[in-house]
C-alpha atoms as a PDB file:
ATOM      1  CA  GLN A   1     101.906 185.817 131.643  1.00  0.00           C
ATOM      2  CA  VAL A   2     101.329 185.008 127.568  1.00  0.00           C
ATOM      3  CA  GLN A   3     103.113 183.176 125.681  1.00  0.00           C
ATOM      4  CA  LEU A   4     103.561 183.059 121.943  1.00  0.00           C
ATOM      5  CA  VAL A   5     104.349 180.415 119.510  1.00  0.00           C
ATOM      6  CA  GLU A   6     105.458 180.691 116.159  1.00  0.00           C
ATOM      7  CA  SER A   7     105.811 177.883 113.133  1.00  0.00           C
ATOM      8  CA  GLY A   8     106.196 177.934 109.733  1.00  0.00           C
ATOM      9  CA  GLY A   9     109.086 179.709 109.020  1.00  0.00           C
ATOM     10  CA  GLY A  10     111.004 178.454 106.281  1.00  0.00           C
ATOM     11  CA  LEU A  11     113.492 178.482 102.643  1.00  0.00           C
ATOM     12  CA  VAL A  12     111.534 178.930  99.802  1.00  0.00           C
ATOM     13  CA  GLN A  13     112.145 179.582  95.963  1.00  0.00           C
ATOM     14  CA  PRO A  14     110.403 182.633  94.731  1.00  0.00           C
ATOM     15  CA  GLY A  15     106.952 182.191  93.051  1.00  0.00           C
ATOM     16  CA  GLY A  16     106.199 179.814  96.268  1.00  0.00           C
ATOM     17  CA  SER A  17     103.955 179.619  99.653  1.00  0.00           C
ATOM     18  CA  LEU A  18     104.766 179.521 103.537  1.00  0.00           C
ATOM     19  CA  ARG A  19     101.986 179.206 106.179  1.00  0.00           C
ATOM     20  CA  LEU A  20     103.223 180.640 109.631  1.00  0.00           C
ATOM     21  CA  SER A  21     101.251 180.344 112.075  1.00  0.00           C
ATOM     22  CA  CYS A  22     101.268 181.829 116.248  1.00  0.00           C
ATOM     23  CA  ALA A  23      99.610 180.096 119.359  1.00  0.00           C
ATOM     24  CA  ALA A  24      98.954 182.430 122.344  1.00  0.00           C
ATOM     25  CA  SER A  25      98.238 181.526 125.711  1.00  0.00           C
ATOM     26  CA  GLY A  26      98.367 182.630 128.985  1.00  0.00           C
ATOM     27  CA  SER A  27      96.555 185.256 131.234  1.00  0.00           C
ATOM     28  CA  ILE A  28      94.431 186.323 128.252  1.00  0.00           C
ATOM     29  CA  PHE A  29      90.848 187.766 129.136  1.00  0.00           C
ATOM     30  CA  ARG A  30      90.187 189.344 125.642  1.00  0.00           C
ATOM     31  CA  ILE A  31      92.462 189.044 123.070  1.00  0.00           C
ATOM     32  CA  ASN A  32      91.355 192.436 121.204  1.00  0.00           C
ATOM     33  CA  ALA A  33      94.313 191.719 117.559  1.00  0.00           C
ATOM     34  CA  MET A  34      96.500 189.583 116.631  1.00  0.00           C
ATOM     35  CA  GLY A  35      98.815 190.828 113.685  1.00  0.00           C
ATOM     36  CA  TRP A  36     102.061 189.987 112.377  1.00  0.00           C
ATOM     37  CA  TYR A  37     105.252 192.321 111.606  1.00  0.00           C
ATOM     38  CA  ARG A  38     108.547 191.591 109.697  1.00  0.00           C
ATOM     39  CA  GLN A  39     112.377 192.621 110.186  1.00  0.00           C
ATOM     40  CA  ALA A  40     114.465 192.540 107.353  1.00  0.00           C
ATOM     41  CA  PRO A  41     118.358 192.196 108.111  1.00  0.00           C
ATOM     42  CA  GLY A  42     119.145 196.303 107.859  1.00  0.00           C
ATOM     43  CA  LYS A  43     115.647 198.024 108.031  1.00  0.00           C
ATOM     44  CA  GLU A  44     113.089 198.238 110.968  1.00  0.00           C
ATOM     45  CA  ARG A  45     110.849 196.449 111.627  1.00  0.00           C
ATOM     46  CA  GLU A  46     107.351 196.560 110.346  1.00  0.00           C
ATOM     47  CA  LEU A  47     103.563 195.927 110.209  1.00  0.00           C
ATOM     48  CA  VAL A  48     102.578 193.066 107.261  1.00  0.00           C
ATOM     49  CA  ALA A  49      98.984 192.259 108.551  1.00  0.00           C
ATOM     50  CA  VAL A  50      96.975 192.332 110.950  1.00  0.00           C
ATOM     51  CA  ILE A  51      93.471 190.514 112.258  1.00  0.00           C
ATOM     52  CA  THR A  52      91.129 192.341 114.885  1.00  0.00           C
ATOM     53  CA  SER A  53      88.928 190.524 117.164  1.00  0.00           C
ATOM     54  CA  GLY A  54      85.753 191.314 114.960  1.00  0.00           C
ATOM     55  CA  GLY A  55      87.805 189.863 112.069  1.00  0.00           C
ATOM     56  CA  SER A  56      88.428 192.863 110.270  1.00  0.00           C
ATOM     57  CA  THR A  57      91.495 192.844 108.206  1.00  0.00           C
ATOM     58  CA  ASN A  58      94.811 195.704 107.142  1.00  0.00           C
ATOM     59  CA  TYR A  59      97.414 194.369 105.281  1.00  0.00           C
ATOM     60  CA  ALA A  60     100.701 196.139 104.142  1.00  0.00           C
ATOM     61  CA  ASP A  61     100.585 197.649 100.583  1.00  0.00           C
ATOM     62  CA  SER A  62     103.649 195.414  99.640  1.00  0.00           C
ATOM     63  CA  VAL A  63     101.924 192.279 100.278  1.00  0.00           C
ATOM     64  CA  LYS A  64      98.536 192.878  99.580  1.00  0.00           C
ATOM     65  CA  GLY A  65      96.875 190.362  97.160  1.00  0.00           C
ATOM     66  CA  ARG A  66      99.321 188.071  98.162  1.00  0.00           C
ATOM     67  CA  PHE A  67      99.298 187.431 101.986  1.00  0.00           C
ATOM     68  CA  THR A  68      95.707 186.492 103.622  1.00  0.00           C
ATOM     69  CA  ILE A  69      96.037 186.847 107.457  1.00  0.00           C
ATOM     70  CA  SER A  70      93.528 184.844 109.741  1.00  0.00           C
ATOM     71  CA  ARG A  71      92.536 183.828 112.953  1.00  0.00           C
ATOM     72  CA  ASP A  72      91.050 180.406 114.767  1.00  0.00           C
ATOM     73  CA  ASN A  73      89.555 182.218 117.917  1.00  0.00           C
ATOM     74  CA  ALA A  74      88.931 178.850 119.684  1.00  0.00           C
ATOM     75  CA  LYS A  75      92.867 178.671 119.402  1.00  0.00           C
ATOM     76  CA  ASN A  76      93.937 181.915 120.242  1.00  0.00           C
ATOM     77  CA  THR A  77      96.131 180.679 116.804  1.00  0.00           C
ATOM     78  CA  VAL A  78      96.694 183.675 114.036  1.00  0.00           C
ATOM     79  CA  TYR A  79      97.443 182.864 110.647  1.00  0.00           C
ATOM     80  CA  LEU A  80      99.266 183.700 107.483  1.00  0.00           C
ATOM     81  CA  GLN A  81      98.908 182.340 104.023  1.00  0.00           C
ATOM     82  CA  MET A  82     101.629 183.968 101.745  1.00  0.00           C
ATOM     83  CA  ASN A  83     101.793 183.442  97.903  1.00  0.00           C
ATOM     84  CA  SER A  84     103.576 184.187  95.540  1.00  0.00           C
ATOM     85  CA  LEU A  85     106.890 184.670  97.752  1.00  0.00           C
ATOM     86  CA  LYS A  86     109.619 187.189  96.653  1.00  0.00           C
ATOM     87  CA  PRO A  87     113.227 187.850  97.655  1.00  0.00           C
ATOM     88  CA  GLU A  88     112.075 191.227  99.326  1.00  0.00           C
ATOM     89  CA  ASP A  89     109.720 189.365 101.480  1.00  0.00           C
ATOM     90  CA  THR A  90     113.031 187.631 103.151  1.00  0.00           C
ATOM     91  CA  ALA A  91     112.876 188.536 106.836  1.00  0.00           C
ATOM     92  CA  VAL A  92     112.466 187.474 110.402  1.00  0.00           C
ATOM     93  CA  TYR A  93     108.455 187.240 111.025  1.00  0.00           C
ATOM     94  CA  TYR A  94     107.351 188.192 114.342  1.00  0.00           C
ATOM     95  CA  CYS A  95     103.658 187.585 115.654  1.00  0.00           C
ATOM     96  CA  ASN A  96     101.990 190.239 117.684  1.00  0.00           C
ATOM     97  CA  LEU A  97      99.264 190.275 120.405  1.00  0.00           C
ATOM     98  CA  ASP A  98      97.168 192.898 121.509  1.00  0.00           C
ATOM     99  CA  TYR A  99      95.116 192.111 124.205  1.00  0.00           C
ATOM    100  CA  SER A 100      93.350 192.737 127.678  1.00  0.00           C
ATOM    101  CA  SER A 101      95.019 191.261 131.391  1.00  0.00           C
ATOM    102  CA  ASP A 102      94.419 192.520 134.195  1.00  0.00           C
ATOM    103  CA  TYR A 103      92.143 195.259 133.473  1.00  0.00           C
ATOM    104  CA  GLN A 104      95.143 196.636 131.454  1.00  0.00           C
ATOM    105  CA  LEU A 105      95.627 196.725 127.732  1.00  0.00           C
ATOM    106  CA  LYS A 106      98.715 194.600 126.713  1.00  0.00           C
ATOM    107  CA  ASP A 107     100.671 193.320 124.118  1.00  0.00           C
ATOM    108  CA  ALA A 108     103.484 190.568 123.340  1.00  0.00           C
ATOM    109  CA  TRP A 109     105.942 189.748 120.766  1.00  0.00           C
ATOM    110  CA  GLY A 110     107.094 185.733 119.601  1.00  0.00           C
ATOM    111  CA  GLN A 111     110.183 185.233 119.031  1.00  0.00           C
ATOM    112  CA  GLY A 112     110.204 185.344 115.273  1.00  0.00           C
ATOM    113  CA  THR A 113     110.288 182.592 112.305  1.00  0.00           C
ATOM    114  CA  LEU A 114     112.758 183.043 109.749  1.00  0.00           C
ATOM    115  CA  VAL A 115     111.602 183.098 106.346  1.00  0.00           C
ATOM    116  CA  THR A 116     114.006 182.866 103.172  1.00  0.00           C
ATOM    117  CA  VAL A 117     112.726 184.042  99.524  1.00  0.00           C
ATOM    118  CA  SER A 118     115.826 182.393  97.202  1.00  0.00           C
ATOM    119  CA  SER A 119     116.278 180.141  94.784  1.00  0.00           C
END
């Protein structure tokens, strides 16, 4: 069993910043990638950013230059630094873990944390 605990969401004014954290624990042999997705009301869940075990990153075009994903391998934790936030960034943000356990490739999701960008 794997648990993902997210934190850092909240209300912020346009142009402001927030930092999301997601800590993974449980039966994990190896983490292959960790990422952040978001889902705005009435829209499908979309990829925001992902970081692989080797440190390679990928971002949605809409957040490039504003968001930065990073990870602490010792803590099995991934972060999402969000700067220059816009109202259209308002969504529930979900952490995703792509990992290996029991000789299988698996993935897990966090419970989601709400980010609201509004004046």
